[in-house]
């Protein structure tokens, strides 16, 4: 790991320790965002800046809302009427990996895993049953193929996921492109898009922390 990455690790860890309370310090978040922007201008890799931005909210949880869900199917939606909460955790080494459970009502099966790779970032979806065992559809996702920015990163579906989706009869998912956006103290966005026109977006308000939910299914802490 080079000097820049080591410096980032120290910065992100310090920020995560200062943000572990259940309430946000708005002025601190604003200052952190400014510092991250300055670091990006000085040549910091976008992948590192993105992880560091998200790590400023380590230990905190936030409510979300669906802002896009197209096309309409006319069928009941699994997210409709449910409380949507993200929780930034798994911050032992935030410059290398972050875990973000995504709770849908009482369903605690979903965790987004962001990992630093040699080329950028990797997004995986860890899906579990209430007893902690893995769902048959788990660990799908993809790696970034372009640098992206400190605000937005995109993850085209990888070969493992294509094989999984084909095996499970989910051919429509073999063209998935996921994306995430983060603006510390303002918003976090999770997005799923397909060339067919499928678009799903959940946006979380990072300015208003909510009560931290129970650990996701399968978590050891």
Protein backbone atom coordinates (compact mmCIF):
# COMPACT_ATOMS: atom_id res chain seq x y z
CA UNK A 1 0.00 0.00 0.00
CA UNK A 2 1.47 3.38 -0.96
CA UNK A 3 1.82 6.45 1.21
CA UNK A 4 -1.38 8.03 -0.16
CA UNK A 5 -3.44 4.97 0.77
CA UNK A 6 -1.90 4.84 4.27
CA UNK A 7 -2.69 8.51 4.78
CA UNK A 8 -6.26 7.89 3.65
CA UNK A 9 -6.61 4.97 6.07
CA UNK A 10 -5.61 7.16 8.99
CA UNK A 11 -7.96 9.94 7.90
CA UNK A 12 -10.92 7.65 7.36
CA UNK A 13 -10.40 5.88 10.70
CA UNK A 14 -10.22 9.18 12.56
CA UNK A 15 -13.38 10.36 10.85
CA UNK A 16 -15.19 7.10 11.60
CA UNK A 17 -14.35 7.30 15.32
CA UNK A 18 -15.67 10.85 15.49
CA UNK A 19 -18.93 9.89 13.77
CA UNK A 20 -19.96 6.84 15.84
CA UNK A 21 -22.67 8.61 17.82
CA UNK A 22 -26.36 8.38 16.96
CA UNK A 23 -26.55 12.10 16.13
CA UNK A 24 -24.71 14.04 13.45
CA UNK A 25 -22.48 17.06 13.84
CA UNK A 26 -23.51 19.06 10.79
CA UNK A 27 -20.58 21.48 10.90
CA UNK A 28 -18.15 18.54 11.20
CA UNK A 29 -19.72 16.81 8.18
CA UNK A 30 -19.44 20.00 6.16
CA UNK A 31 -15.78 20.38 7.08
CA UNK A 32 -15.12 16.72 6.22
CA UNK A 33 -16.71 17.16 2.80
CA UNK A 34 -14.52 20.18 2.15
CA UNK A 35 -11.41 18.27 3.19
CA UNK A 36 -12.30 15.36 0.92
CA UNK A 37 -12.83 17.70 -2.01
CA UNK A 38 -9.43 19.24 -1.37
CA UNK A 39 -7.83 15.79 -1.24
CA UNK A 40 -9.40 14.85 -4.56
CA UNK A 41 -8.02 18.00 -6.17
CA UNK A 42 -4.54 17.00 -4.97
CA UNK A 43 -4.61 13.76 -6.94
CA UNK A 44 -6.35 11.34 -4.57
CA UNK A 45 -7.80 8.36 -6.44
CA UNK A 46 -11.58 8.67 -6.87
CA UNK A 47 -12.11 5.20 -5.36
CA UNK A 48 -10.24 6.23 -2.20
CA UNK A 49 -12.08 9.54 -1.98
CA UNK A 50 -15.42 7.76 -2.36
CA UNK A 51 -14.68 5.29 0.46
CA UNK A 52 -13.40 8.09 2.68
CA UNK A 53 -16.55 10.14 2.04
CA UNK A 54 -18.79 7.26 3.07
CA UNK A 55 -16.57 6.49 6.07
CA UNK A 56 -17.31 9.92 7.55
CA UNK A 57 -20.66 8.38 8.54
CA UNK A 58 -19.32 5.19 10.12
CA UNK A 59 -21.56 4.03 12.95
CA UNK A 60 -24.55 6.05 11.79
CA UNK A 61 -27.87 5.01 10.24
CA UNK A 62 -30.11 6.96 7.86
CA UNK A 63 -33.65 6.73 6.50
CA UNK A 64 -34.27 6.47 2.77
CA UNK A 65 -37.00 6.77 0.20
CA UNK A 66 -37.53 5.34 -3.27
CA UNK A 67 -37.12 8.07 -5.87
CA UNK A 68 -37.33 5.86 -8.98
CA UNK A 69 -38.86 2.44 -9.62
CA UNK A 70 -39.47 1.95 -13.33
CA UNK A 71 -41.22 0.57 -15.22
CA UNK A 72 -44.36 0.15 -13.14
CA UNK A 73 -45.46 -3.50 -13.04
CA UNK A 74 -48.86 -3.24 -11.39
CA UNK A 75 -47.74 -5.84 -8.85
CA UNK A 76 -47.19 -5.24 -5.10
CA UNK A 77 -43.68 -3.93 -4.51
CA UNK A 78 -41.49 -5.50 -1.80
CA UNK A 79 -40.34 -2.04 -0.66
CA UNK A 80 -43.72 -0.32 -0.66
CA UNK A 81 -44.72 1.07 2.73
CA UNK A 82 -41.60 -0.28 4.46
CA UNK A 83 -39.09 1.71 6.48
CA UNK A 84 -35.83 1.85 4.49
CA UNK A 85 -32.68 2.28 6.58
CA UNK A 86 -28.97 2.07 5.73
CA UNK A 87 -26.34 1.61 8.44
CA UNK A 88 -22.67 2.36 7.75
CA UNK A 89 -20.63 -0.25 9.64
CA UNK A 90 -17.81 -2.73 9.11
CA UNK A 91 -15.37 0.16 9.56
CA UNK A 92 -12.35 -1.68 11.01
CA UNK A 93 -10.35 -0.77 7.88
CA UNK A 94 -12.45 1.82 6.03
CA UNK A 95 -9.82 2.53 3.38
CA UNK A 96 -10.11 -1.11 2.25
CA UNK A 97 -13.70 -2.17 2.99
CA UNK A 98 -17.04 -0.86 4.25
CA UNK A 99 -20.24 -2.78 4.97
CA UNK A 100 -23.61 -1.09 4.66
CA UNK A 101 -26.67 -3.13 5.72
CA UNK A 102 -29.85 -2.08 3.93
CA UNK A 103 -32.87 -2.83 6.13
CA UNK A 104 -36.35 -3.06 4.57
CA UNK A 105 -38.81 -3.00 7.44
CA UNK A 106 -37.93 -6.00 9.64
CA UNK A 107 -36.06 -7.67 6.77
CA UNK A 108 -32.35 -7.53 7.68
CA UNK A 109 -31.15 -9.83 4.92
CA UNK A 110 -29.25 -7.32 2.76
CA UNK A 111 -25.73 -5.90 3.16
CA UNK A 112 -23.80 -3.92 0.58
CA UNK A 113 -20.06 -4.65 0.73
CA UNK A 114 -17.68 -2.11 -0.81
CA UNK A 115 -14.08 -3.30 -1.22
CA UNK A 116 -11.02 -1.47 -2.56
CA UNK A 117 -9.38 -3.34 -5.44
CA UNK A 118 -6.22 -2.68 -7.41
CA UNK A 119 -8.30 -1.13 -10.17
CA UNK A 120 -10.98 0.67 -8.18
CA UNK A 121 -13.94 -0.59 -6.14
CA UNK A 122 -15.99 -3.78 -5.91
CA UNK A 123 -19.66 -3.92 -4.86
CA UNK A 124 -21.15 -7.16 -3.59
CA UNK A 125 -24.64 -7.89 -2.25
CA UNK A 126 -24.54 -10.22 0.77
CA UNK A 127 -27.97 -11.83 1.26
CA UNK A 128 -28.75 -13.90 4.37
CA UNK A 129 -31.59 -15.81 5.99
CA UNK A 130 -32.69 -15.02 9.58
CA UNK A 131 -30.53 -17.89 10.86
CA UNK A 132 -27.48 -16.29 9.24
CA UNK A 133 -27.11 -18.81 6.42
CA UNK A 134 -26.45 -17.55 2.91
CA UNK A 135 -29.30 -17.10 0.48
CA UNK A 136 -28.90 -18.93 -2.84
CA UNK A 137 -28.76 -15.51 -4.51
CA UNK A 138 -25.87 -13.84 -2.73
CA UNK A 139 -22.54 -12.11 -3.32
CA UNK A 140 -23.55 -10.81 -6.72
CA UNK A 141 -22.33 -7.45 -7.97
CA UNK A 142 -19.42 -6.12 -9.98
CA UNK A 143 -16.22 -4.07 -10.18
CA UNK A 144 -15.78 -0.54 -11.44
CA UNK A 145 -14.32 -0.35 -14.96
CA UNK A 146 -13.81 3.42 -15.04
CA UNK A 147 -12.33 5.68 -12.36
CA UNK A 148 -15.60 7.39 -11.51
CA UNK A 149 -15.51 10.30 -9.08
CA UNK A 150 -15.44 10.96 -5.35
CA UNK A 151 -19.23 11.32 -5.58
CA UNK A 152 -20.31 8.54 -7.98
CA UNK A 153 -19.10 4.99 -8.70
CA UNK A 154 -20.64 2.48 -11.16
CA UNK A 155 -20.46 -1.32 -11.00
CA UNK A 156 -21.32 -3.35 -14.15
CA UNK A 157 -22.38 -6.94 -13.46
CA UNK A 158 -19.45 -9.39 -13.21
CA UNK A 159 -19.11 -12.90 -14.65
CA UNK A 160 -19.86 -14.63 -11.32
CA UNK A 161 -23.14 -12.74 -11.09
CA UNK A 162 -24.08 -13.47 -14.72
CA UNK A 163 -23.60 -17.20 -14.08
CA UNK A 164 -25.64 -16.99 -10.88
CA UNK A 165 -28.50 -15.12 -12.53
CA UNK A 166 -28.60 -17.47 -15.51
CA UNK A 167 -28.61 -20.51 -13.22
CA UNK A 168 -31.50 -19.05 -11.21
CA UNK A 169 -33.54 -18.07 -14.25
CA UNK A 170 -32.97 -14.32 -13.80
CA UNK A 171 -31.88 -13.55 -17.34
CA UNK A 172 -33.09 -9.95 -17.04
CA UNK A 173 -30.46 -9.31 -14.36
CA UNK A 174 -27.47 -10.29 -16.52
CA UNK A 175 -27.20 -6.70 -17.80
CA UNK A 176 -27.36 -5.03 -14.38
CA UNK A 177 -25.35 -1.89 -13.68
CA UNK A 178 -25.32 -0.75 -10.07
CA UNK A 179 -24.23 2.69 -8.93
CA UNK A 180 -23.72 4.55 -5.68
CA UNK A 181 -23.41 8.25 -4.94
CA UNK A 182 -22.33 9.91 -1.70
CA UNK A 183 -22.22 13.52 -0.55
CA UNK A 184 -21.23 13.59 3.15
CA UNK A 185 -23.79 15.26 5.33
CA UNK A 186 -26.24 15.46 2.43
CA UNK A 187 -27.23 12.28 0.58
CA UNK A 188 -26.41 8.70 -0.34
CA UNK A 189 -27.89 7.02 -3.42
CA UNK A 190 -28.16 3.35 -4.39
CA UNK A 191 -29.10 2.68 -8.01
CA UNK A 192 -29.86 -0.31 -10.23
CA UNK A 193 -30.20 0.22 -13.97
CA UNK A 194 -30.56 -1.98 -17.05
CA UNK A 195 -30.43 -1.11 -20.78
CA UNK A 196 -34.01 -2.40 -21.02
CA UNK A 197 -35.23 0.64 -19.11
CA UNK A 198 -35.30 -0.80 -15.60
CA UNK A 199 -34.35 1.89 -13.07
CA UNK A 200 -34.46 1.63 -9.30
CA UNK A 201 -33.12 4.31 -6.95
CA UNK A 202 -33.17 4.71 -3.17
CA UNK A 203 -31.93 7.99 -1.69
CA UNK A 204 -30.92 8.40 1.96
CA UNK A 205 -30.81 11.68 3.89
CA UNK A 206 -27.32 11.91 5.43
CA UNK A 207 -28.16 15.12 7.27
CA UNK A 208 -30.51 13.38 9.73
CA UNK A 209 -29.22 10.22 11.48
CA UNK A 210 -31.84 7.83 12.82
CA UNK A 211 -31.73 5.15 15.52
CA UNK A 212 -29.19 2.44 14.73
CA UNK A 213 -31.02 -0.78 13.76
CA UNK A 214 -30.15 -4.29 14.96
CA UNK A 215 -27.25 -6.03 13.25
CA UNK A 216 -27.97 -7.60 9.86
CA UNK A 217 -28.71 -11.31 9.73
CA UNK A 218 -25.51 -13.34 9.87
CA UNK A 219 -23.45 -10.62 11.54
CA UNK A 220 -21.16 -11.64 14.39
CA UNK A 221 -21.19 -8.25 16.13
